C-alpha atoms as a PDB file:
ATOM      1  CA  UNK A   1    -150.577-145.194  31.661  1.00  0.00           C
ATOM      2  CA  UNK A   2    -147.550-146.085  33.704  1.00  0.00           C
ATOM      3  CA  UNK A   3    -146.027-142.649  33.048  1.00  0.00           C
ATOM      4  CA  UNK A   4    -149.232-140.958  34.164  1.00  0.00           C
ATOM      5  CA  UNK A   5    -149.270-142.977  37.387  1.00  0.00           C
ATOM      6  CA  UNK A   6    -145.604-142.178  37.959  1.00  0.00           C
ATOM      7  CA  UNK A   7    -146.209-138.451  37.449  1.00  0.00           C
ATOM      8  CA  UNK A   8    -149.178-138.548  39.806  1.00  0.00           C
ATOM      9  CA  UNK A   9    -147.158-140.433  42.432  1.00  0.00           C
ATOM     10  CA  UNK A  10    -144.298-137.959  42.091  1.00  0.00           C
ATOM     11  CA  UNK A  11    -146.695-135.042  42.479  1.00  0.00           C
ATOM     12  CA  UNK A  12    -148.227-136.592  45.596  1.00  0.00           C
ATOM     13  CA  UNK A  13    -144.763-137.226  47.006  1.00  0.00           C
ATOM     14  CA  UNK A  14    -143.737-133.617  46.430  1.00  0.00           C
ATOM     15  CA  UNK A  15    -146.980-132.359  47.970  1.00  0.00           C
ATOM     16  CA  UNK A  16    -146.428-134.569  51.015  1.00  0.00           C
ATOM     17  CA  UNK A  17    -142.847-133.359  51.292  1.00  0.00           C
ATOM     18  CA  UNK A  18    -144.026-129.748  51.108  1.00  0.00           C
ATOM     19  CA  UNK A  19    -146.665-130.254  53.782  1.00  0.00           C
ATOM     20  CA  UNK A  20    -144.244-132.033  56.105  1.00  0.00           C
ATOM     21  CA  UNK A  21    -141.271-129.703  55.659  1.00  0.00           C
ATOM     22  CA  UNK A  22    -142.906-126.290  55.207  1.00  0.00           C
ATOM     23  CA  UNK A  23    -141.578-123.962  57.902  1.00  0.00           C
ATOM     24  CA  UNK A  24    -142.285-120.371  58.960  1.00  0.00           C
ATOM     25  CA  UNK A  25    -139.516-117.873  59.680  1.00  0.00           C
ATOM     26  CA  UNK A  26    -139.865-116.201  63.106  1.00  0.00           C
ATOM     27  CA  UNK A  27    -141.008-112.548  63.037  1.00  0.00           C
ATOM     28  CA  UNK A  28    -141.273-112.304  59.228  1.00  0.00           C
ATOM     29  CA  UNK A  29    -143.690-115.256  58.797  1.00  0.00           C
ATOM     30  CA  UNK A  30    -142.120-116.175  55.443  1.00  0.00           C
ATOM     31  CA  UNK A  31    -142.918-119.725  54.344  1.00  0.00           C
ATOM     32  CA  UNK A  32    -140.050-121.948  53.206  1.00  0.00           C
ATOM     33  CA  UNK A  33    -139.066-125.606  52.926  1.00  0.00           C
ATOM     34  CA  UNK A  34    -136.461-127.334  55.090  1.00  0.00           C
ATOM     35  CA  UNK A  35    -135.882-131.027  54.461  1.00  0.00           C
ATOM     36  CA  UNK A  36    -133.521-131.736  57.364  1.00  0.00           C
ATOM     37  CA  UNK A  37    -134.418-132.231  61.000  1.00  0.00           C
ATOM     38  CA  UNK A  38    -133.347-129.583  63.467  1.00  0.00           C
ATOM     39  CA  UNK A  39    -131.646-132.220  65.642  1.00  0.00           C
ATOM     40  CA  UNK A  40    -129.453-133.294  62.716  1.00  0.00           C
ATOM     41  CA  UNK A  41    -128.762-129.658  61.911  1.00  0.00           C
ATOM     42  CA  UNK A  42    -127.678-128.956  65.505  1.00  0.00           C
ATOM     43  CA  UNK A  43    -125.338-131.950  65.426  1.00  0.00           C
ATOM     44  CA  UNK A  44    -123.808-130.740  62.183  1.00  0.00           C
ATOM     45  CA  UNK A  45    -123.442-127.214  63.567  1.00  0.00           C
ATOM     46  CA  UNK A  46    -121.576-128.449  66.631  1.00  0.00           C
ATOM     47  CA  UNK A  47    -119.192-130.654  64.650  1.00  0.00           C
ATOM     48  CA  UNK A  48    -118.535-127.944  62.043  1.00  0.00           C
ATOM     49  CA  UNK A  49    -117.856-125.423  64.808  1.00  0.00           C
ATOM     50  CA  UNK A  50    -115.327-127.739  66.455  1.00  0.00           C
ATOM     51  CA  UNK A  51    -113.554-128.224  63.111  1.00  0.00           C
ATOM     52  CA  UNK A  52    -113.368-124.483  62.448  1.00  0.00           C
ATOM     53  CA  UNK A  53    -112.033-123.698  65.919  1.00  0.00           C
ATOM     54  CA  UNK A  54    -109.354-126.392  65.576  1.00  0.00           C
ATOM     55  CA  UNK A  55    -108.114-124.744  62.390  1.00  0.00           C
ATOM     56  CA  UNK A  56    -108.300-121.202  63.773  1.00  0.00           C
ATOM     57  CA  UNK A  57    -106.158-119.114  66.080  1.00  0.00           C
ATOM     58  CA  UNK A  58    -108.285-118.084  69.034  1.00  0.00           C
ATOM     59  CA  UNK A  59    -107.712-114.659  70.536  1.00  0.00           C
ATOM     60  CA  UNK A  60    -105.876-114.467  73.846  1.00  0.00           C
ATOM     61  CA  UNK A  61    -107.113-110.946  74.513  1.00  0.00           C
ATOM     62  CA  UNK A  62    -109.140-111.667  77.632  1.00  0.00           C
ATOM     63  CA  UNK A  63    -110.942-108.314  77.623  1.00  0.00           C
ATOM     64  CA  UNK A  64    -112.005-108.676  73.960  1.00  0.00           C
ATOM     65  CA  UNK A  65    -113.095-112.300  74.424  1.00  0.00           C
ATOM     66  CA  UNK A  66    -115.135-111.396  77.507  1.00  0.00           C
ATOM     67  CA  UNK A  67    -116.720-108.533  75.583  1.00  0.00           C
ATOM     68  CA  UNK A  68    -117.842-110.888  72.815  1.00  0.00           C
ATOM     69  CA  UNK A  69    -119.194-113.391  75.337  1.00  0.00           C
ATOM     70  CA  UNK A  70    -121.021-110.774  77.404  1.00  0.00           C
ATOM     71  CA  UNK A  71    -122.757-109.223  74.391  1.00  0.00           C
ATOM     72  CA  UNK A  72    -123.460-112.647  72.919  1.00  0.00           C
ATOM     73  CA  UNK A  73    -125.104-113.828  76.134  1.00  0.00           C
ATOM     74  CA  UNK A  74    -127.224-110.680  76.326  1.00  0.00           C
ATOM     75  CA  UNK A  75    -128.582-111.371  72.848  1.00  0.00           C
ATOM     76  CA  UNK A  76    -128.916-115.135  73.357  1.00  0.00           C
ATOM     77  CA  UNK A  77    -131.042-114.515  76.450  1.00  0.00           C
ATOM     78  CA  UNK A  78    -133.727-112.710  74.419  1.00  0.00           C
ATOM     79  CA  UNK A  79    -133.966-115.179  71.515  1.00  0.00           C
ATOM     80  CA  UNK A  80    -136.102-117.682  73.393  1.00  0.00           C
ATOM     81  CA  UNK A  81    -133.778-120.501  72.335  1.00  0.00           C
ATOM     82  CA  UNK A  82    -132.976-121.905  75.764  1.00  0.00           C
ATOM     83  CA  UNK A  83    -132.418-125.278  74.092  1.00  0.00           C
ATOM     84  CA  UNK A  84    -129.298-124.019  72.279  1.00  0.00           C
ATOM     85  CA  UNK A  85    -125.855-124.802  73.689  1.00  0.00           C
ATOM     86  CA  UNK A  86    -124.616-121.243  73.211  1.00  0.00           C
ATOM     87  CA  UNK A  87    -120.881-120.712  72.685  1.00  0.00           C
ATOM     88  CA  UNK A  88    -119.033-117.510  71.825  1.00  0.00           C
ATOM     89  CA  UNK A  89    -115.446-117.328  70.619  1.00  0.00           C
ATOM     90  CA  UNK A  90    -113.167-114.682  69.150  1.00  0.00           C
ATOM     91  CA  UNK A  91    -110.907-115.742  66.264  1.00  0.00           C
ATOM     92  CA  UNK A  92    -107.666-113.809  65.947  1.00  0.00           C
ATOM     93  CA  UNK A  93    -107.581-112.760  62.290  1.00  0.00           C
ATOM     94  CA  UNK A  94    -107.523-109.052  61.507  1.00  0.00           C
ATOM     95  CA  UNK A  95    -107.838-109.727  57.770  1.00  0.00           C
ATOM     96  CA  UNK A  96    -111.280-111.308  58.088  1.00  0.00           C
ATOM     97  CA  UNK A  97    -114.130-108.815  58.462  1.00  0.00           C
ATOM     98  CA  UNK A  98    -116.729-111.392  59.395  1.00  0.00           C
ATOM     99  CA  UNK A  99    -118.644-113.324  62.029  1.00  0.00           C
ATOM    100  CA  UNK A 100    -120.952-116.333  61.940  1.00  0.00           C
ATOM    101  CA  UNK A 101    -123.384-118.345  64.030  1.00  0.00           C
ATOM    102  CA  UNK A 102    -123.833-122.070  63.393  1.00  0.00           C
ATOM    103  CA  UNK A 103    -126.930-124.055  64.421  1.00  0.00           C
ATOM    104  CA  UNK A 104    -127.353-124.389  68.159  1.00  0.00           C
ATOM    105  CA  UNK A 105    -125.846-120.974  68.897  1.00  0.00           C
ATOM    106  CA  UNK A 106    -122.220-121.671  67.991  1.00  0.00           C
ATOM    107  CA  UNK A 107    -120.915-118.140  67.417  1.00  0.00           C
ATOM    108  CA  UNK A 108    -117.518-116.914  66.229  1.00  0.00           C
ATOM    109  CA  UNK A 109    -116.425-113.324  65.696  1.00  0.00           C
ATOM    110  CA  UNK A 110    -113.231-112.379  63.859  1.00  0.00           C
ATOM    111  CA  UNK A 111    -111.004-109.638  65.222  1.00  0.00           C
ATOM    112  CA  UNK A 112    -111.146-107.930  61.823  1.00  0.00           C
ATOM    113  CA  UNK A 113    -114.741-106.871  62.313  1.00  0.00           C
ATOM    114  CA  UNK A 114    -114.198-105.777  65.897  1.00  0.00           C
ATOM    115  CA  UNK A 115    -111.915-103.028  64.644  1.00  0.00           C
ATOM    116  CA  UNK A 116    -114.952-101.525  62.916  1.00  0.00           C
ATOM    117  CA  UNK A 117    -117.546-102.352  65.600  1.00  0.00           C
ATOM    118  CA  UNK A 118    -115.918-100.088  68.176  1.00  0.00           C
ATOM    119  CA  UNK A 119    -118.891 -99.794  70.552  1.00  0.00           C
ATOM    120  CA  UNK A 120    -120.825-102.556  72.283  1.00  0.00           C
ATOM    121  CA  UNK A 121    -124.000-101.622  70.422  1.00  0.00           C
ATOM    122  CA  UNK A 122    -122.193-101.829  67.081  1.00  0.00           C
ATOM    123  CA  UNK A 123    -120.809-105.259  67.966  1.00  0.00           C
ATOM    124  CA  UNK A 124    -124.325-106.253  69.063  1.00  0.00           C
ATOM    125  CA  UNK A 125    -125.458-105.259  65.556  1.00  0.00           C
ATOM    126  CA  UNK A 126    -123.282-107.836  63.834  1.00  0.00           C
ATOM    127  CA  UNK A 127    -123.727-110.518  66.518  1.00  0.00           C
ATOM    128  CA  UNK A 128    -127.492-110.013  66.527  1.00  0.00           C
ATOM    129  CA  UNK A 129    -127.504-110.363  62.750  1.00  0.00           C
ATOM    130  CA  UNK A 130    -125.568-113.650  62.826  1.00  0.00           C
ATOM    131  CA  UNK A 131    -127.612-115.053  65.703  1.00  0.00           C
ATOM    132  CA  UNK A 132    -130.758-114.154  63.751  1.00  0.00           C
ATOM    133  CA  UNK A 133    -129.526-116.341  60.877  1.00  0.00           C
ATOM    134  CA  UNK A 134    -129.325-119.309  63.252  1.00  0.00           C
ATOM    135  CA  UNK A 135    -132.655-118.699  64.977  1.00  0.00           C
ATOM    136  CA  UNK A 136    -134.362-118.287  61.591  1.00  0.00           C
ATOM    137  CA  UNK A 137    -132.666-121.515  60.393  1.00  0.00           C
ATOM    138  CA  UNK A 138    -131.405-119.870  57.239  1.00  0.00           C
ATOM    139  CA  UNK A 139    -128.530-122.328  57.215  1.00  0.00           C
ATOM    140  CA  UNK A 140    -130.930-125.275  57.350  1.00  0.00           C
ATOM    141  CA  UNK A 141    -132.825-123.805  54.433  1.00  0.00           C
ATOM    142  CA  UNK A 142    -129.655-123.421  52.374  1.00  0.00           C
ATOM    143  CA  UNK A 143    -128.344-126.810  53.496  1.00  0.00           C
ATOM    144  CA  UNK A 144    -131.580-128.332  52.215  1.00  0.00           C
ATOM    145  CA  UNK A 145    -130.918-126.757  48.816  1.00  0.00           C
ATOM    146  CA  UNK A 146    -127.326-127.987  48.820  1.00  0.00           C
ATOM    147  CA  UNK A 147    -128.313-131.522  49.775  1.00  0.00           C
ATOM    148  CA  UNK A 148    -130.828-131.629  46.948  1.00  0.00           C
ATOM    149  CA  UNK A 149    -128.419-130.236  44.357  1.00  0.00           C
ATOM    150  CA  UNK A 150    -125.025-131.531  45.448  1.00  0.00           C
ATOM    151  CA  UNK A 151    -125.887-134.873  47.043  1.00  0.00           C
ATOM    152  CA  UNK A 152    -128.950-135.857  45.040  1.00  0.00           C
ATOM    153  CA  UNK A 153    -131.422-135.333  47.847  1.00  0.00           C
ATOM    154  CA  UNK A 154    -129.551-137.614  50.255  1.00  0.00           C
ATOM    155  CA  UNK A 155    -130.756-137.253  53.834  1.00  0.00           C
ATOM    156  CA  UNK A 156    -128.384-135.281  56.049  1.00  0.00           C
ATOM    157  CA  UNK A 157    -127.835-138.218  58.382  1.00  0.00           C
ATOM    158  CA  UNK A 158    -126.780-140.417  55.449  1.00  0.00           C
ATOM    159  CA  UNK A 159    -124.695-137.643  53.942  1.00  0.00           C
ATOM    160  CA  UNK A 160    -122.756-137.315  57.189  1.00  0.00           C
ATOM    161  CA  UNK A 161    -122.005-141.058  57.162  1.00  0.00           C
ATOM    162  CA  UNK A 162    -121.182-141.505  53.483  1.00  0.00           C
ATOM    163  CA  UNK A 163    -119.760-138.154  52.406  1.00  0.00           C
ATOM    164  CA  UNK A 164    -118.633-136.602  55.650  1.00  0.00           C
ATOM    165  CA  UNK A 165    -115.882-134.375  54.241  1.00  0.00           C
ATOM    166  CA  UNK A 166    -118.013-132.960  51.432  1.00  0.00           C
ATOM    167  CA  UNK A 167    -120.970-132.546  53.781  1.00  0.00           C
ATOM    168  CA  UNK A 168    -118.856-130.477  56.185  1.00  0.00           C
ATOM    169  CA  UNK A 169    -117.713-128.314  53.260  1.00  0.00           C
ATOM    170  CA  UNK A 170    -121.317-127.754  52.248  1.00  0.00           C
ATOM    171  CA  UNK A 171    -122.261-126.969  55.831  1.00  0.00           C
ATOM    172  CA  UNK A 172    -119.622-124.237  55.992  1.00  0.00           C
ATOM    173  CA  UNK A 173    -121.086-122.767  52.819  1.00  0.00           C
ATOM    174  CA  UNK A 174    -124.679-123.065  54.015  1.00  0.00           C
ATOM    175  CA  UNK A 175    -124.020-121.531  57.412  1.00  0.00           C
ATOM    176  CA  UNK A 176    -121.916-118.622  56.203  1.00  0.00           C
ATOM    177  CA  UNK A 177    -118.614-119.987  57.460  1.00  0.00           C
ATOM    178  CA  UNK A 178    -117.133-120.681  54.025  1.00  0.00           C
ATOM    179  CA  UNK A 179    -117.106-119.493  50.426  1.00  0.00           C
ATOM    180  CA  UNK A 180    -120.440-119.035  48.662  1.00  0.00           C
ATOM    181  CA  UNK A 181    -121.661-121.152  45.745  1.00  0.00           C
ATOM    182  CA  UNK A 182    -123.263-119.394  42.803  1.00  0.00           C
ATOM    183  CA  UNK A 183    -126.559-121.226  42.772  1.00  0.00           C
ATOM    184  CA  UNK A 184    -127.483-120.208  46.314  1.00  0.00           C
ATOM    185  CA  UNK A 185    -126.855-116.495  45.789  1.00  0.00           C
ATOM    186  CA  UNK A 186    -130.431-115.664  44.669  1.00  0.00           C
ATOM    187  CA  UNK A 187    -131.624-116.694  48.140  1.00  0.00           C
ATOM    188  CA  UNK A 188    -128.984-114.726  49.983  1.00  0.00           C
ATOM    189  CA  UNK A 189    -130.574-111.285  49.937  1.00  0.00           C
ATOM    190  CA  UNK A 190    -133.825-112.571  51.408  1.00  0.00           C
ATOM    191  CA  UNK A 191    -131.904-114.195  54.244  1.00  0.00           C
ATOM    192  CA  UNK A 192    -129.765-111.111  54.800  1.00  0.00           C
ATOM    193  CA  UNK A 193    -132.761-108.791  54.950  1.00  0.00           C
ATOM    194  CA  UNK A 194    -134.478-111.109  57.417  1.00  0.00           C
ATOM    195  CA  UNK A 195    -131.341-111.347  59.559  1.00  0.00           C
ATOM    196  CA  UNK A 196    -131.022-107.550  59.583  1.00  0.00           C
ATOM    197  CA  UNK A 197    -134.646-107.182  60.654  1.00  0.00           C
ATOM    198  CA  UNK A 198    -134.645-109.940  63.300  1.00  0.00           C
ATOM    199  CA  UNK A 199    -131.172-108.977  64.522  1.00  0.00           C
ATOM    200  CA  UNK A 200    -132.298-105.375  65.006  1.00  0.00           C
ATOM    201  CA  UNK A 201    -135.133-106.597  67.224  1.00  0.00           C
ATOM    202  CA  UNK A 202    -132.808-108.932  69.154  1.00  0.00           C
ATOM    203  CA  UNK A 203    -130.266-106.199  69.900  1.00  0.00           C
ATOM    204  CA  UNK A 204    -133.026-103.815  70.996  1.00  0.00           C
ATOM    205  CA  UNK A 205    -134.571-106.433  73.297  1.00  0.00           C
ATOM    206  CA  UNK A 206    -131.098-107.088  74.739  1.00  0.00           C
ATOM    207  CA  UNK A 207    -130.749-103.417  75.683  1.00  0.00           C
ATOM    208  CA  UNK A 208    -128.563-102.154  72.836  1.00  0.00           C
ATOM    209  CA  UNK A 209    -129.679 -98.988  71.064  1.00  0.00           C
ATOM    210  CA  UNK A 210    -130.816-100.040  67.559  1.00  0.00           C
ATOM    211  CA  UNK A 211    -129.689 -96.667  66.172  1.00  0.00           C
ATOM    212  CA  UNK A 212    -126.176 -98.144  66.389  1.00  0.00           C
ATOM    213  CA  UNK A 213    -127.033-100.552  63.558  1.00  0.00           C
ATOM    214  CA  UNK A 214    -127.392 -97.611  61.186  1.00  0.00           C
ATOM    215  CA  UNK A 215    -124.150 -96.087  62.479  1.00  0.00           C
ATOM    216  CA  UNK A 216    -122.297 -99.394  62.026  1.00  0.00           C
ATOM    217  CA  UNK A 217    -123.397 -99.862  58.416  1.00  0.00           C
ATOM    218  CA  UNK A 218    -122.552 -96.260  57.575  1.00  0.00           C
ATOM    219  CA  UNK A 219    -119.023 -96.963  58.841  1.00  0.00           C
ATOM    220  CA  UNK A 220    -118.889-100.145  56.740  1.00  0.00           C
ATOM    221  CA  UNK A 221    -120.045 -98.220  53.678  1.00  0.00           C
ATOM    222  CA  UNK A 222    -117.482 -95.477  54.214  1.00  0.00           C
ATOM    223  CA  UNK A 223    -114.651 -97.968  54.660  1.00  0.00           C
ATOM    224  CA  UNK A 224    -115.441-100.326  51.773  1.00  0.00           C
ATOM    225  CA  UNK A 225    -117.406 -98.262  49.239  1.00  0.00           C
ATOM    226  CA  UNK A 226    -114.327 -97.461  47.145  1.00  0.00           C
ATOM    227  CA  UNK A 227    -112.932-100.994  47.022  1.00  0.00           C
ATOM    228  CA  UNK A 228    -114.032-104.582  46.516  1.00  0.00           C
ATOM    229  CA  UNK A 229    -116.115-105.533  49.554  1.00  0.00           C
ATOM    230  CA  UNK A 230    -114.918-108.133  52.063  1.00  0.00           C
ATOM    231  CA  UNK A 231    -116.404-111.634  51.898  1.00  0.00           C
ATOM    232  CA  UNK A 232    -118.953-110.671  54.524  1.00  0.00           C
ATOM    233  CA  UNK A 233    -120.513-108.180  52.101  1.00  0.00           C
ATOM    234  CA  UNK A 234    -119.966-109.974  48.790  1.00  0.00           C
ATOM    235  CA  UNK A 235    -123.446-111.436  48.402  1.00  0.00           C
ATOM    236  CA  UNK A 236    -125.334-109.071  50.645  1.00  0.00           C
ATOM    237  CA  UNK A 237    -127.632-106.155  49.880  1.00  0.00           C
ATOM    238  CA  UNK A 238    -125.857-102.896  49.111  1.00  0.00           C
ATOM    239  CA  UNK A 239    -124.966-101.010  52.256  1.00  0.00           C
ATOM    240  CA  UNK A 240    -127.045 -98.021  51.137  1.00  0.00           C
ATOM    241  CA  UNK A 241    -130.123-100.239  50.748  1.00  0.00           C
ATOM    242  CA  UNK A 242    -129.371-101.934  54.040  1.00  0.00           C
ATOM    243  CA  UNK A 243    -129.173 -98.576  55.805  1.00  0.00           C
ATOM    244  CA  UNK A 244    -132.507 -97.501  54.291  1.00  0.00           C
ATOM    245  CA  UNK A 245    -134.118-100.736  55.499  1.00  0.00           C
ATOM    246  CA  UNK A 246    -132.728-100.377  59.014  1.00  0.00           C
ATOM    247  CA  UNK A 247    -133.912 -96.777  59.232  1.00  0.00           C
ATOM    248  CA  UNK A 248    -137.368 -97.935  58.143  1.00  0.00           C
ATOM    249  CA  UNK A 249    -137.425-100.633  60.855  1.00  0.00           C
ATOM    250  CA  UNK A 250    -136.054 -98.427  63.656  1.00  0.00           C
ATOM    251  CA  UNK A 251    -139.475 -97.295  64.857  1.00  0.00           C
ATOM    252  CA  UNK A 252    -140.558-100.907  65.388  1.00  0.00           C
ATOM    253  CA  UNK A 253    -137.262-101.969  67.001  1.00  0.00           C
ATOM    254  CA  UNK A 254    -137.372 -99.067  69.456  1.00  0.00           C
ATOM    255  CA  UNK A 255    -140.580-100.494  70.933  1.00  0.00           C
ATOM    256  CA  UNK A 256    -138.404-103.311  72.307  1.00  0.00           C
ATOM    257  CA  UNK A 257    -135.562-101.092  73.496  1.00  0.00           C
ATOM    258  CA  UNK A 258    -135.085-100.371  77.192  1.00  0.00           C
ATOM    259  CA  UNK A 259    -131.734 -99.088  78.480  1.00  0.00           C
END
């Protein structure tokens, strides 16, 4: 009898948790569960960003930094997230073909990817993609999974107090600023497809020709097809599939595009 009551109570608790934490992804309308508050997520994003910048060498190339900030602002202005404290920085590391956006619009681009994204529209492709991750709260979704698995369901606020160092490590994983953990990989392709789709719309709304997204990924495929992909591509959809998806979505994205 007691076991039956316990099972029923657990089921009711899970149902309540689902009802309270069920979220909808912008544009795609996918339902998912996030068990952390957005305010806590924004705080974590800001602190993680500060830590990463402290450990990184920031670019002193004024023209390149201004380019990143100009394109970033153009995209930020069309996201509707006026509550974000947007920041854009360029990290000087030619070996890293990557970029990321932490909660609250904390964006970093590595010089390694700028050597491939030679045009503004191509750079808008990758920045729009990363900003889409943040707006869609993909990191919060993955952080929820990590909290449940790694920290036994501990609330983020408590995790920050009691296990700050490990929590920051998990945040870097969850928000694409660190190495990936195996058990979150099955979710990665869904997030990447959504970020491609939403990012394509963002760049088009910001005045960047969405055709450039296809051009950018063709360049990435040509450069990395014959070798092990960089970390940025390691858990992502194949570039050929990504290109097919982007070509399929171009017609919709072009409805938002005005030069």
